[in-house]
Amino acid sequence: MTENEISGDVLDAAIKIHKQFGPGLLESVYETLLAIELRKRGHTVETQQPVSFEYEGVRIDNAFRLDMLVDGKVVVELKSTEQMHPVFAKQVKTYLVVLKLHLGLVVNFGLATVKDGFVRIVNGYN
């Protein structure tokens, strides 16, 4: 499955969850619900995955934790806040650079609609 197809499934699943529960749950609950829904759709989902990387020969252990990695290809950063902040996309862009992945998503369940809180971030492997 391509990154774009995965992204479409993430958006569709997030909308389904948001329509049922609204914007009032904790981020951790949305993470669990989204993982359940994506697994039902046949995706491999890793949550709260610690990430280590190497910089100039030095290993940086547990540099950060991914909220979600879908099919080993798409990083998903979940939020449950009343506003979108530019730092959310910057955070995902950094994750993509470190992991050498192409596509990341911010999904903010705290807004009136998920579409208002859905951002795609593309890494050109810079």
PDB file of N, CA and C in Angstrom:
ATOM      1  N   MET A   1       0.845  -1.182   0.000  1.00  0.00           N
ATOM      2  CA  MET A   1       0.000   0.000   0.000  1.00  0.00           C
ATOM      3  C   MET A   1       0.890   1.246   0.000  1.00  0.00           C
ATOM      4  N   THR A   2       0.523   2.245  -0.768  1.00  0.00           N
ATOM      5  CA  THR A   2       1.322   3.466  -0.854  1.00  0.00           C
ATOM      6  C   THR A   2       1.074   4.364   0.356  1.00  0.00           C
ATOM      7  N   GLU A   3       1.971   5.321   0.535  1.00  0.00           N
ATOM      8  CA  GLU A   3       1.801   6.294   1.616  1.00  0.00           C
ATOM      9  C   GLU A   3       0.487   7.052   1.466  1.00  0.00           C
ATOM     10  N   ASN A   4       0.129   7.408   0.230  1.00  0.00           N
ATOM     11  CA  ASN A   4      -1.112   8.146   0.010  1.00  0.00           C
ATOM     12  C   ASN A   4      -2.334   7.309   0.381  1.00  0.00           C
ATOM     13  N   GLU A   5      -2.306   6.034   0.079  1.00  0.00           N
ATOM     14  CA  GLU A   5      -3.416   5.156   0.448  1.00  0.00           C
ATOM     15  C   GLU A   5      -3.514   5.011   1.967  1.00  0.00           C
ATOM     16  N   ILE A   6      -2.374   4.880   2.615  1.00  0.00           N
ATOM     17  CA  ILE A   6      -2.342   4.805   4.085  1.00  0.00           C
ATOM     18  C   ILE A   6      -2.903   6.086   4.675  1.00  0.00           C
ATOM     19  N   SER A   7      -2.455   7.220   4.134  1.00  0.00           N
ATOM     20  CA  SER A   7      -2.935   8.517   4.601  1.00  0.00           C
ATOM     21  C   SER A   7      -4.450   8.627   4.482  1.00  0.00           C
ATOM     22  N   GLY A   8      -4.994   8.151   3.381  1.00  0.00           N
ATOM     23  CA  GLY A   8      -6.440   8.175   3.193  1.00  0.00           C
ATOM     24  C   GLY A   8      -7.164   7.330   4.224  1.00  0.00           C
ATOM     25  N   ASP A   9      -6.605   6.163   4.531  1.00  0.00           N
ATOM     26  CA  ASP A   9      -7.204   5.314   5.570  1.00  0.00           C
ATOM     27  C   ASP A   9      -7.139   5.968   6.944  1.00  0.00           C
ATOM     28  N   VAL A  10      -6.018   6.628   7.246  1.00  0.00           N
ATOM     29  CA  VAL A  10      -5.889   7.313   8.537  1.00  0.00           C
ATOM     30  C   VAL A  10      -6.937   8.410   8.650  1.00  0.00           C
ATOM     31  N   LEU A  11      -7.085   9.210   7.593  1.00  0.00           N
ATOM     32  CA  LEU A  11      -8.082  10.289   7.621  1.00  0.00           C
ATOM     33  C   LEU A  11      -9.490   9.720   7.764  1.00  0.00           C
ATOM     34  N   ASP A  12      -9.814   8.714   6.988  1.00  0.00           N
ATOM     35  CA  ASP A  12     -11.147   8.121   7.049  1.00  0.00           C
ATOM     36  C   ASP A  12     -11.443   7.546   8.438  1.00  0.00           C
ATOM     37  N   ALA A  13     -10.473   6.844   9.006  1.00  0.00           N
ATOM     38  CA  ALA A  13     -10.649   6.265  10.347  1.00  0.00           C
ATOM     39  C   ALA A  13     -10.788   7.362  11.401  1.00  0.00           C
ATOM     40  N   ALA A  14      -9.983   8.411  11.276  1.00  0.00           N
ATOM     41  CA  ALA A  14     -10.050   9.520  12.236  1.00  0.00           C
ATOM     42  C   ALA A  14     -11.406  10.213  12.182  1.00  0.00           C
ATOM     43  N   ILE A  15     -11.913  10.416  10.975  1.00  0.00           N
ATOM     44  CA  ILE A  15     -13.238  11.044  10.836  1.00  0.00           C
ATOM     45  C   ILE A  15     -14.302  10.164  11.480  1.00  0.00           C
ATOM     46  N   LYS A  16     -14.241   8.864  11.236  1.00  0.00           N
ATOM     47  CA  LYS A  16     -15.206   7.934  11.823  1.00  0.00           C
ATOM     48  C   LYS A  16     -15.192   8.028  13.354  1.00  0.00           C
ATOM     49  N   ILE A  17     -14.004   8.024  13.930  1.00  0.00           N
ATOM     50  CA  ILE A  17     -13.858   8.090  15.385  1.00  0.00           C
ATOM     51  C   ILE A  17     -14.374   9.423  15.920  1.00  0.00           C
ATOM     52  N   HIS A  18     -14.002  10.504  15.241  1.00  0.00           N
ATOM     53  CA  HIS A  18     -14.399  11.842  15.691  1.00  0.00           C
ATOM     54  C   HIS A  18     -15.912  12.021  15.613  1.00  0.00           C
ATOM     55  N   LYS A  19     -16.530  11.481  14.574  1.00  0.00           N
ATOM     56  CA  LYS A  19     -17.994  11.580  14.458  1.00  0.00           C
ATOM     57  C   LYS A  19     -18.684  10.852  15.610  1.00  0.00           C
ATOM     58  N   GLN A  20     -18.109   9.755  16.039  1.00  0.00           N
ATOM     59  CA  GLN A  20     -18.732   8.983  17.112  1.00  0.00           C
ATOM     60  C   GLN A  20     -18.492   9.586  18.489  1.00  0.00           C
ATOM     61  N   PHE A  21     -17.263  10.081  18.739  1.00  0.00           N
ATOM     62  CA  PHE A  21     -16.902  10.499  20.094  1.00  0.00           C
ATOM     63  C   PHE A  21     -16.729  12.000  20.272  1.00  0.00           C
ATOM     64  N   GLY A  22     -16.562  12.748  19.185  1.00  0.00           N
ATOM     65  CA  GLY A  22     -16.361  14.191  19.311  1.00  0.00           C
ATOM     66  C   GLY A  22     -14.955  14.534  19.768  1.00  0.00           C
ATOM     67  N   PRO A  23     -14.755  15.808  20.142  1.00  0.00           N
ATOM     68  CA  PRO A  23     -13.413  16.297  20.442  1.00  0.00           C
ATOM     69  C   PRO A  23     -12.995  16.246  21.910  1.00  0.00           C
ATOM     70  N   GLY A  24     -13.700  15.542  22.775  1.00  0.00           N
ATOM     71  CA  GLY A  24     -13.452  15.675  24.210  1.00  0.00           C
ATOM     72  C   GLY A  24     -12.587  14.629  24.888  1.00  0.00           C
ATOM     73  N   LEU A  25     -12.035  13.671  24.142  1.00  0.00           N
ATOM     74  CA  LEU A  25     -11.259  12.612  24.789  1.00  0.00           C
ATOM     75  C   LEU A  25      -9.776  12.972  24.900  1.00  0.00           C
ATOM     76  N   LEU A  26      -9.069  12.230  25.723  1.00  0.00           N
ATOM     77  CA  LEU A  26      -7.628  12.401  25.839  1.00  0.00           C
ATOM     78  C   LEU A  26      -6.934  11.880  24.587  1.00  0.00           C
ATOM     79  N   GLU A  27      -5.782  12.437  24.295  1.00  0.00           N
ATOM     80  CA  GLU A  27      -4.986  12.000  23.147  1.00  0.00           C
ATOM     81  C   GLU A  27      -4.723  10.494  23.191  1.00  0.00           C
ATOM     82  N   SER A  28      -4.419   9.974  24.362  1.00  0.00           N
ATOM     83  CA  SER A  28      -4.116   8.542  24.489  1.00  0.00           C
ATOM     84  C   SER A  28      -5.304   7.662  24.112  1.00  0.00           C
ATOM     85  N   VAL A  29      -6.511   8.135  24.371  1.00  0.00           N
ATOM     86  CA  VAL A  29      -7.699   7.372  24.009  1.00  0.00           C
ATOM     87  C   VAL A  29      -7.884   7.394  22.494  1.00  0.00           C
ATOM     88  N   TYR A  30      -7.713   8.558  21.883  1.00  0.00           N
ATOM     89  CA  TYR A  30      -7.796   8.626  20.417  1.00  0.00           C
ATOM     90  C   TYR A  30      -6.738   7.724  19.776  1.00  0.00           C
ATOM     91  N   GLU A  31      -5.555   7.693  20.361  1.00  0.00           N
ATOM     92  CA  GLU A  31      -4.492   6.832  19.840  1.00  0.00           C
ATOM     93  C   GLU A  31      -4.926   5.363  19.849  1.00  0.00           C
ATOM     94  N   THR A  32      -5.502   4.930  20.944  1.00  0.00           N
ATOM     95  CA  THR A  32      -5.975   3.549  21.048  1.00  0.00           C
ATOM     96  C   THR A  32      -7.082   3.266  20.038  1.00  0.00           C
ATOM     97  N   LEU A  33      -8.035   4.171  19.941  1.00  0.00           N
ATOM     98  CA  LEU A  33      -9.144   3.988  19.004  1.00  0.00           C
ATOM     99  C   LEU A  33      -8.662   3.958  17.558  1.00  0.00           C
ATOM    100  N   LEU A  34      -7.759   4.875  17.203  1.00  0.00           N
ATOM    101  CA  LEU A  34      -7.257   4.927  15.836  1.00  0.00           C
ATOM    102  C   LEU A  34      -6.452   3.676  15.504  1.00  0.00           C
ATOM    103  N   ALA A  35      -5.658   3.197  16.446  1.00  0.00           N
ATOM    104  CA  ALA A  35      -4.893   1.965  16.226  1.00  0.00           C
ATOM    105  C   ALA A  35      -5.832   0.786  16.001  1.00  0.00           C
ATOM    106  N   ILE A  36      -6.892   0.688  16.789  1.00  0.00           N
ATOM    107  CA  ILE A  36      -7.873  -0.386  16.619  1.00  0.00           C
ATOM    108  C   ILE A  36      -8.489  -0.317  15.227  1.00  0.00           C
ATOM    109  N   GLU A  37      -8.918   0.862  14.843  1.00  0.00           N
ATOM    110  CA  GLU A  37      -9.589   1.030  13.547  1.00  0.00           C
ATOM    111  C   GLU A  37      -8.643   0.724  12.390  1.00  0.00           C
ATOM    112  N   LEU A  38      -7.402   1.169  12.467  1.00  0.00           N
ATOM    113  CA  LEU A  38      -6.456   0.905  11.378  1.00  0.00           C
ATOM    114  C   LEU A  38      -6.088  -0.572  11.301  1.00  0.00           C
ATOM    115  N   ARG A  39      -5.952  -1.220  12.438  1.00  0.00           N
ATOM    116  CA  ARG A  39      -5.669  -2.664  12.430  1.00  0.00           C
ATOM    117  C   ARG A  39      -6.835  -3.441  11.832  1.00  0.00           C
ATOM    118  N   LYS A  40      -8.064  -3.020  12.116  1.00  0.00           N
ATOM    119  CA  LYS A  40      -9.229  -3.654  11.511  1.00  0.00           C
ATOM    120  C   LYS A  40      -9.181  -3.543   9.991  1.00  0.00           C
ATOM    121  N   ARG A  41      -8.544  -2.493   9.496  1.00  0.00           N
ATOM    122  CA  ARG A  41      -8.435  -2.267   8.048  1.00  0.00           C
ATOM    123  C   ARG A  41      -7.202  -2.945   7.450  1.00  0.00           C
ATOM    124  N   GLY A  42      -6.488  -3.718   8.271  1.00  0.00           N
ATOM    125  CA  GLY A  42      -5.363  -4.500   7.768  1.00  0.00           C
ATOM    126  C   GLY A  42      -3.997  -3.855   7.873  1.00  0.00           C
ATOM    127  N   HIS A  43      -3.902  -2.744   8.583  1.00  0.00           N
ATOM    128  CA  HIS A  43      -2.612  -2.052   8.715  1.00  0.00           C
ATOM    129  C   HIS A  43      -1.830  -2.559   9.924  1.00  0.00           C
ATOM    130  N   THR A  44      -0.529  -2.487   9.812  1.00  0.00           N
ATOM    131  CA  THR A  44       0.354  -2.719  10.944  1.00  0.00           C
ATOM    132  C   THR A  44       0.534  -1.374  11.638  1.00  0.00           C
ATOM    133  N   VAL A  45       0.278  -1.330  12.931  1.00  0.00           N
ATOM    134  CA  VAL A  45       0.340  -0.074  13.674  1.00  0.00           C
ATOM    135  C   VAL A  45       1.229  -0.250  14.892  1.00  0.00           C
ATOM    136  N   GLU A  46       2.249   0.594  14.990  1.00  0.00           N
ATOM    137  CA  GLU A  46       3.098   0.648  16.181  1.00  0.00           C
ATOM    138  C   GLU A  46       2.787   1.947  16.905  1.00  0.00           C
ATOM    139  N   THR A  47       2.596   1.871  18.221  1.00  0.00           N
ATOM    140  CA  THR A  47       2.318   3.080  18.998  1.00  0.00           C
ATOM    141  C   THR A  47       3.381   3.274  20.066  1.00  0.00           C
ATOM    142  N   GLN A  48       3.616   4.533  20.365  1.00  0.00           N
ATOM    143  CA  GLN A  48       4.584   4.936  21.392  1.00  0.00           C
ATOM    144  C   GLN A  48       5.917   4.225  21.206  1.00  0.00           C
ATOM    145  N   GLN A  49       6.355   4.205  19.971  1.00  0.00           N
ATOM    146  CA  GLN A  49       7.595   3.531  19.596  1.00  0.00           C
ATOM    147  C   GLN A  49       8.792   4.446  19.895  1.00  0.00           C
ATOM    148  N   PRO A  50       9.715   4.033  20.788  1.00  0.00           N
ATOM    149  CA  PRO A  50      10.907   4.855  21.021  1.00  0.00           C
ATOM    150  C   PRO A  50      11.807   4.831  19.782  1.00  0.00           C
ATOM    151  N   VAL A  51      12.382   5.975  19.481  1.00  0.00           N
ATOM    152  CA  VAL A  51      13.244   6.096  18.304  1.00  0.00           C
ATOM    153  C   VAL A  51      14.628   6.548  18.733  1.00  0.00           C
ATOM    154  N   SER A  52      15.614   5.821  18.267  1.00  0.00           N
ATOM    155  CA  SER A  52      17.016   6.188  18.477  1.00  0.00           C
ATOM    156  C   SER A  52      17.624   6.439  17.106  1.00  0.00           C
ATOM    157  N   PHE A  53      18.685   7.226  17.067  1.00  0.00           N
ATOM    158  CA  PHE A  53      19.372   7.464  15.806  1.00  0.00           C
ATOM    159  C   PHE A  53      20.827   7.796  16.082  1.00  0.00           C
ATOM    160  N   GLU A  54      21.580   7.862  15.002  1.00  0.00           N
ATOM    161  CA  GLU A  54      23.004   8.133  15.122  1.00  0.00           C
ATOM    162  C   GLU A  54      23.330   9.501  14.530  1.00  0.00           C
ATOM    163  N   TYR A  55      24.184  10.231  15.225  1.00  0.00           N
ATOM    164  CA  TYR A  55      24.658  11.526  14.752  1.00  0.00           C
ATOM    165  C   TYR A  55      26.170  11.547  14.859  1.00  0.00           C
ATOM    166  N   GLU A  56      26.821  11.658  13.713  1.00  0.00           N
ATOM    167  CA  GLU A  56      28.284  11.720  13.647  1.00  0.00           C
ATOM    168  C   GLU A  56      28.938  10.633  14.496  1.00  0.00           C
ATOM    169  N   GLY A  57      28.428   9.426  14.340  1.00  0.00           N
ATOM    170  CA  GLY A  57      29.018   8.280  15.023  1.00  0.00           C
ATOM    171  C   GLY A  57      28.585   8.082  16.462  1.00  0.00           C
ATOM    172  N   VAL A  58      27.724   8.948  16.955  1.00  0.00           N
ATOM    173  CA  VAL A  58      27.246   8.830  18.332  1.00  0.00           C
ATOM    174  C   VAL A  58      25.774   8.441  18.309  1.00  0.00           C
ATOM    175  N   ARG A  59      25.448   7.388  19.025  1.00  0.00           N
ATOM    176  CA  ARG A  59      24.056   6.923  19.075  1.00  0.00           C
ATOM    177  C   ARG A  59      23.283   7.737  20.106  1.00  0.00           C
ATOM    178  N   ILE A  60      22.149   8.252  19.687  1.00  0.00           N
ATOM    179  CA  ILE A  60      21.247   8.998  20.563  1.00  0.00           C
ATOM    180  C   ILE A  60      20.074   8.057  20.861  1.00  0.00           C
ATOM    181  N   ASP A  61      20.063   7.475  22.045  1.00  0.00           N
ATOM    182  CA  ASP A  61      19.023   6.522  22.412  1.00  0.00           C
ATOM    183  C   ASP A  61      17.762   7.233  22.867  1.00  0.00           C
ATOM    184  N   ASN A  62      16.626   6.656  22.490  1.00  0.00           N
ATOM    185  CA  ASN A  62      15.320   7.155  22.927  1.00  0.00           C
ATOM    186  C   ASN A  62      15.188   8.669  22.759  1.00  0.00           C
ATOM    187  N   ALA A  63      15.539   9.139  21.570  1.00  0.00           N
ATOM    188  CA  ALA A  63      15.498  10.578  21.288  1.00  0.00           C
ATOM    189  C   ALA A  63      14.073  11.121  21.345  1.00  0.00           C
ATOM    190  N   PHE A  64      13.129  10.309  20.924  1.00  0.00           N
ATOM    191  CA  PHE A  64      11.717  10.681  20.978  1.00  0.00           C
ATOM    192  C   PHE A  64      10.866   9.429  20.819  1.00  0.00           C
ATOM    193  N   ARG A  65       9.568   9.596  21.018  1.00  0.00           N
ATOM    194  CA  ARG A  65       8.612   8.499  20.838  1.00  0.00           C
ATOM    195  C   ARG A  65       7.620   8.908  19.761  1.00  0.00           C
ATOM    196  N   LEU A  66       7.406   8.008  18.826  1.00  0.00           N
ATOM    197  CA  LEU A  66       6.379   8.242  17.817  1.00  0.00           C
ATOM    198  C   LEU A  66       5.022   7.906  18.412  1.00  0.00           C
ATOM    199  N   ASP A  67       4.051   8.766  18.197  1.00  0.00           N
ATOM    200  CA  ASP A  67       2.693   8.403  18.611  1.00  0.00           C
ATOM    201  C   ASP A  67       2.264   7.169  17.847  1.00  0.00           C
ATOM    202  N   MET A  68       2.522   7.183  16.519  1.00  0.00           N
ATOM    203  CA  MET A  68       2.052   6.071  15.703  1.00  0.00           C
ATOM    204  C   MET A  68       2.884   5.975  14.428  1.00  0.00           C
ATOM    205  N   LEU A  69       3.205   4.750  14.049  1.00  0.00           N
ATOM    206  CA  LEU A  69       3.830   4.467  12.764  1.00  0.00           C
ATOM    207  C   LEU A  69       2.971   3.416  12.082  1.00  0.00           C
ATOM    208  N   VAL A  70       2.468   3.748  10.898  1.00  0.00           N
ATOM    209  CA  VAL A  70       1.543   2.867  10.186  1.00  0.00           C
ATOM    210  C   VAL A  70       2.274   2.197   9.021  1.00  0.00           C
ATOM    211  N   ASP A  71       2.237   0.886   9.012  1.00  0.00           N
ATOM    212  CA  ASP A  71       2.854   0.070   7.964  1.00  0.00           C
ATOM    213  C   ASP A  71       4.334   0.382   7.756  1.00  0.00           C
ATOM    214  N   GLY A  72       4.980   0.891   8.788  1.00  0.00           N
ATOM    215  CA  GLY A  72       6.399   1.213   8.693  1.00  0.00           C
ATOM    216  C   GLY A  72       6.700   2.346   7.731  1.00  0.00           C
ATOM    217  N   LYS A  73       5.657   3.061   7.281  1.00  0.00           N
ATOM    218  CA  LYS A  73       5.834   4.074   6.236  1.00  0.00           C
ATOM    219  C   LYS A  73       5.364   5.475   6.613  1.00  0.00           C
ATOM    220  N   VAL A  74       4.300   5.576   7.414  1.00  0.00           N
ATOM    221  CA  VAL A  74       3.676   6.875   7.681  1.00  0.00           C
ATOM    222  C   VAL A  74       3.683   7.163   9.176  1.00  0.00           C
ATOM    223  N   VAL A  75       4.290   8.283   9.530  1.00  0.00           N
ATOM    224  CA  VAL A  75       4.309   8.761  10.911  1.00  0.00           C
ATOM    225  C   VAL A  75       3.011   9.512  11.170  1.00  0.00           C
ATOM    226  N   VAL A  76       2.360   9.220  12.300  1.00  0.00           N
ATOM    227  CA  VAL A  76       1.140   9.931  12.678  1.00  0.00           C
ATOM    228  C   VAL A  76       1.354  10.534  14.061  1.00  0.00           C
ATOM    229  N   GLU A  77       1.267  11.844  14.130  1.00  0.00           N
ATOM    230  CA  GLU A  77       1.367  12.566  15.398  1.00  0.00           C
ATOM    231  C   GLU A  77      -0.039  12.984  15.794  1.00  0.00           C
ATOM    232  N   LEU A  78      -0.484  12.518  16.948  1.00  0.00           N
ATOM    233  CA  LEU A  78      -1.843  12.790  17.403  1.00  0.00           C
ATOM    234  C   LEU A  78      -1.867  13.930  18.402  1.00  0.00           C
ATOM    235  N   LYS A  79      -2.916  14.719  18.309  1.00  0.00           N
ATOM    236  CA  LYS A  79      -3.135  15.826  19.229  1.00  0.00           C
ATOM    237  C   LYS A  79      -4.604  15.840  19.629  1.00  0.00           C
ATOM    238  N   SER A  80      -4.878  16.443  20.760  1.00  0.00           N
ATOM    239  CA  SER A  80      -6.241  16.682  21.196  1.00  0.00           C
ATOM    240  C   SER A  80      -6.271  18.058  21.854  1.00  0.00           C
ATOM    241  N   THR A  81      -6.066  19.068  21.008  1.00  0.00           N
ATOM    242  CA  THR A  81      -5.993  20.450  21.481  1.00  0.00           C
ATOM    243  C   THR A  81      -7.009  21.307  20.738  1.00  0.00           C
ATOM    244  N   GLU A  82      -7.336  22.447  21.314  1.00  0.00           N
ATOM    245  CA  GLU A  82      -8.336  23.325  20.712  1.00  0.00           C
ATOM    246  C   GLU A  82      -7.791  24.161  19.564  1.00  0.00           C
ATOM    247  N   GLN A  83      -6.484  24.177  19.378  1.00  0.00           N
ATOM    248  CA  GLN A  83      -5.876  24.968  18.309  1.00  0.00           C
ATOM    249  C   GLN A  83      -4.780  24.168  17.624  1.00  0.00           C
ATOM    250  N   MET A  84      -4.567  24.485  16.363  1.00  0.00           N
ATOM    251  CA  MET A  84      -3.424  23.942  15.638  1.00  0.00           C
ATOM    252  C   MET A  84      -2.253  24.890  15.860  1.00  0.00           C
ATOM    253  N   HIS A  85      -1.059  24.329  15.985  1.00  0.00           N
ATOM    254  CA  HIS A  85       0.141  25.133  16.159  1.00  0.00           C
ATOM    255  C   HIS A  85       1.159  24.721  15.105  1.00  0.00           C
ATOM    256  N   PRO A  86       1.891  25.672  14.553  1.00  0.00           N
ATOM    257  CA  PRO A  86       2.898  25.341  13.531  1.00  0.00           C
ATOM    258  C   PRO A  86       3.943  24.340  14.015  1.00  0.00           C
ATOM    259  N   VAL A  87       4.199  24.299  15.308  1.00  0.00           N
ATOM    260  CA  VAL A  87       5.203  23.384  15.843  1.00  0.00           C
ATOM    261  C   VAL A  87       4.820  21.921  15.622  1.00  0.00           C
ATOM    262  N   PHE A  88       3.524  21.615  15.501  1.00  0.00           N
ATOM    263  CA  PHE A  88       3.101  20.233  15.276  1.00  0.00           C
ATOM    264  C   PHE A  88       3.698  19.689  13.983  1.00  0.00           C
ATOM    265  N   ALA A  89       3.586  20.469  12.910  1.00  0.00           N
ATOM    266  CA  ALA A  89       4.124  20.044  11.612  1.00  0.00           C
ATOM    267  C   ALA A  89       5.648  20.005  11.640  1.00  0.00           C
ATOM    268  N   LYS A  90       6.262  20.946  12.335  1.00  0.00           N
ATOM    269  CA  LYS A  90       7.731  20.960  12.439  1.00  0.00           C
ATOM    270  C   LYS A  90       8.227  19.713  13.163  1.00  0.00           C
ATOM    271  N   GLN A  91       7.511  19.324  14.184  1.00  0.00           N
ATOM    272  CA  GLN A  91       7.855  18.121  14.945  1.00  0.00           C
ATOM    273  C   GLN A  91       7.831  16.899  14.026  1.00  0.00           C
ATOM    274  N   VAL A  92       6.775  16.756  13.246  1.00  0.00           N
ATOM    275  CA  VAL A  92       6.646  15.617  12.338  1.00  0.00           C
ATOM    276  C   VAL A  92       7.725  15.664  11.266  1.00  0.00           C
ATOM    277  N   LYS A  93       8.011  16.834  10.743  1.00  0.00           N
ATOM    278  CA  LYS A  93       9.063  16.967   9.724  1.00  0.00           C
ATOM    279  C   LYS A  93      10.401  16.464  10.276  1.00  0.00           C
ATOM    280  N   THR A  94      10.714  16.804  11.510  1.00  0.00           N
ATOM    281  CA  THR A  94      11.943  16.341  12.140  1.00  0.00           C
ATOM    282  C   THR A  94      11.945  14.824  12.266  1.00  0.00           C
ATOM    283  N   TYR A  95      10.832  14.249  12.680  1.00  0.00           N
ATOM    284  CA  TYR A  95      10.732  12.790  12.774  1.00  0.00           C
ATOM    285  C   TYR A  95      10.999  12.137  11.422  1.00  0.00           C
ATOM    286  N   LEU A  96      10.430  12.707  10.368  1.00  0.00           N
ATOM    287  CA  LEU A  96      10.614  12.154   9.027  1.00  0.00           C
ATOM    288  C   LEU A  96      12.073  12.211   8.594  1.00  0.00           C
ATOM    289  N   VAL A  97      12.741  13.319   8.888  1.00  0.00           N
ATOM    290  CA  VAL A  97      14.151  13.463   8.525  1.00  0.00           C
ATOM    291  C   VAL A  97      14.989  12.407   9.250  1.00  0.00           C
ATOM    292  N   VAL A  98      14.778  12.279  10.551  1.00  0.00           N
ATOM    293  CA  VAL A  98      15.545  11.312  11.345  1.00  0.00           C
ATOM    294  C   VAL A  98      15.302   9.887  10.867  1.00  0.00           C
ATOM    295  N   LEU A  99      14.056   9.564  10.562  1.00  0.00           N
ATOM    296  CA  LEU A  99      13.692   8.202  10.174  1.00  0.00           C
ATOM    297  C   LEU A  99      13.859   7.928   8.675  1.00  0.00           C
ATOM    298  N   LYS A 100      14.157   8.987   7.918  1.00  0.00           N
ATOM    299  CA  LYS A 100      14.281   8.873   6.464  1.00  0.00           C
ATOM    300  C   LYS A 100      13.003   8.303   5.841  1.00  0.00           C
ATOM    301  N   LEU A 101      11.874   8.851   6.300  1.00  0.00           N
ATOM    302  CA  LEU A 101      10.569   8.490   5.758  1.00  0.00           C
ATOM    303  C   LEU A 101      10.016   9.664   4.960  1.00  0.00           C
ATOM    304  N   HIS A 102       9.028   9.374   4.134  1.00  0.00           N
ATOM    305  CA  HIS A 102       8.530  10.371   3.188  1.00  0.00           C
ATOM    306  C   HIS A 102       7.293  11.132   3.664  1.00  0.00           C
ATOM    307  N   LEU A 103       6.382  10.481   4.407  1.00  0.00           N
ATOM    308  CA  LEU A 103       5.101  11.120   4.721  1.00  0.00           C
ATOM    309  C   LEU A 103       4.772  11.027   6.203  1.00  0.00           C
ATOM    310  N   GLY A 104       4.317  12.146   6.734  1.00  0.00           N
ATOM    311  CA  GLY A 104       3.840  12.204   8.106  1.00  0.00           C
ATOM    312  C   GLY A 104       2.535  12.966   8.174  1.00  0.00           C
ATOM    313  N   LEU A 105       1.787  12.714   9.220  1.00  0.00           N
ATOM    314  CA  LEU A 105       0.485  13.343   9.402  1.00  0.00           C
ATOM    315  C   LEU A 105       0.360  13.888  10.815  1.00  0.00           C
ATOM    316  N   VAL A 106      -0.304  15.025  10.925  1.00  0.00           N
ATOM    317  CA  VAL A 106      -0.771  15.508  12.218  1.00  0.00           C
ATOM    318  C   VAL A 106      -2.278  15.317  12.202  1.00  0.00           C
ATOM    319  N   VAL A 107      -2.802  14.671  13.233  1.00  0.00           N
ATOM    320  CA  VAL A 107      -4.247  14.495  13.371  1.00  0.00           C
ATOM    321  C   VAL A 107      -4.639  15.068  14.723  1.00  0.00           C
ATOM    322  N   ASN A 108      -5.355  16.194  14.686  1.00  0.00           N
ATOM    323  CA  ASN A 108      -5.794  16.853  15.913  1.00  0.00           C
ATOM    324  C   ASN A 108      -7.285  16.600  16.102  1.00  0.00           C
ATOM    325  N   PHE A 109      -7.614  15.794  17.090  1.00  0.00           N
ATOM    326  CA  PHE A 109      -9.001  15.446  17.375  1.00  0.00           C
ATOM    327  C   PHE A 109      -9.721  16.518  18.206  1.00  0.00           C
ATOM    328  N   GLY A 110      -9.009  17.542  18.649  1.00  0.00           N
ATOM    329  CA  GLY A 110      -9.593  18.534  19.545  1.00  0.00           C
ATOM    330  C   GLY A 110     -10.376  19.639  18.878  1.00  0.00           C
ATOM    331  N   LEU A 111     -10.405  19.656  17.558  1.00  0.00           N
ATOM    332  CA  LEU A 111     -11.104  20.704  16.826  1.00  0.00           C
ATOM    333  C   LEU A 111     -12.522  20.267  16.472  1.00  0.00           C
ATOM    334  N   ALA A 112     -13.306  21.189  15.924  1.00  0.00           N
ATOM    335  CA  ALA A 112     -14.698  20.889  15.576  1.00  0.00           C
ATOM    336  C   ALA A 112     -14.794  19.757  14.555  1.00  0.00           C
ATOM    337  N   THR A 113     -13.859  19.728  13.596  1.00  0.00           N
ATOM    338  CA  THR A 113     -13.805  18.631  12.630  1.00  0.00           C
ATOM    339  C   THR A 113     -12.358  18.155  12.507  1.00  0.00           C
ATOM    340  N   VAL A 114     -12.188  16.889  12.191  1.00  0.00           N
ATOM    341  CA  VAL A 114     -10.840  16.342  12.013  1.00  0.00           C
ATOM    342  C   VAL A 114     -10.173  16.961  10.798  1.00  0.00           C
ATOM    343  N   LYS A 115     -10.950  17.261   9.762  1.00  0.00           N
ATOM    344  CA  LYS A 115     -10.361  17.862   8.560  1.00  0.00           C
ATOM    345  C   LYS A 115      -9.639  19.168   8.890  1.00  0.00           C
ATOM    346  N   ASP A 116     -10.149  19.922   9.860  1.00  0.00           N
ATOM    347  CA  ASP A 116      -9.492  21.171  10.272  1.00  0.00           C
ATOM    348  C   ASP A 116      -8.175  20.902  10.992  1.00  0.00           C
ATOM    349  N   GLY A 117      -8.023  19.701  11.534  1.00  0.00           N
ATOM    350  CA  GLY A 117      -6.823  19.361  12.288  1.00  0.00           C
ATOM    351  C   GLY A 117      -5.963  18.313  11.608  1.00  0.00           C
ATOM    352  N   PHE A 118      -6.120  18.153  10.302  1.00  0.00           N
ATOM    353  CA  PHE A 118      -5.382  17.134   9.549  1.00  0.00           C
ATOM    354  C   PHE A 118      -4.372  17.819   8.649  1.00  0.00           C
ATOM    355  N   VAL A 119      -3.086  17.510   8.866  1.00  0.00           N
ATOM    356  CA  VAL A 119      -2.022  18.126   8.075  1.00  0.00           C
ATOM    357  C   VAL A 119      -1.099  17.035   7.570  1.00  0.00           C
ATOM    358  N   ARG A 120      -0.781  17.077   6.267  1.00  0.00           N
ATOM    359  CA  ARG A 120       0.171  16.169   5.645  1.00  0.00           C
ATOM    360  C   ARG A 120       1.519  16.877   5.545  1.00  0.00           C
ATOM    361  N   ILE A 121       2.569  16.187   5.944  1.00  0.00           N
ATOM    362  CA  ILE A 121       3.921  16.730   5.865  1.00  0.00           C
ATOM    363  C   ILE A 121       4.741  15.778   4.999  1.00  0.00           C
ATOM    364  N   VAL A 122       5.349  16.311   3.956  1.00  0.00           N
ATOM    365  CA  VAL A 122       6.141  15.500   3.027  1.00  0.00           C
ATOM    366  C   VAL A 122       7.599  15.845   3.215  1.00  0.00           C
ATOM    367  N   ASN A 123       8.413  14.815   3.333  1.00  0.00           N
ATOM    368  CA  ASN A 123       9.862  14.966   3.472  1.00  0.00           C
ATOM    369  C   ASN A 123      10.517  14.644   2.150  1.00  0.00           C
ATOM    370  N   GLY A 124      11.325  15.566   1.675  1.00  0.00           N
ATOM    371  CA  GLY A 124      12.073  15.333   0.443  1.00  0.00           C
ATOM    372  C   GLY A 124      13.435  14.739   0.725  1.00  0.00           C
ATOM    373  N   TYR A 125      13.623  14.157   1.914  1.00  0.00           N
ATOM    374  CA  TYR A 125      14.886  13.549   2.338  1.00  0.00           C
ATOM    375  C   TYR A 125      16.015  14.559   2.360  1.00  0.00           C
ATOM    376  N   ASN A 126      15.705  15.759   2.817  1.00  0.00           N
ATOM    377  CA  ASN A 126      16.745  16.810   2.941  1.00  0.00           C
ATOM    378  C   ASN A 126      17.686  16.524   4.076  1.00  0.00           C
TER     379      ASN A 126
END
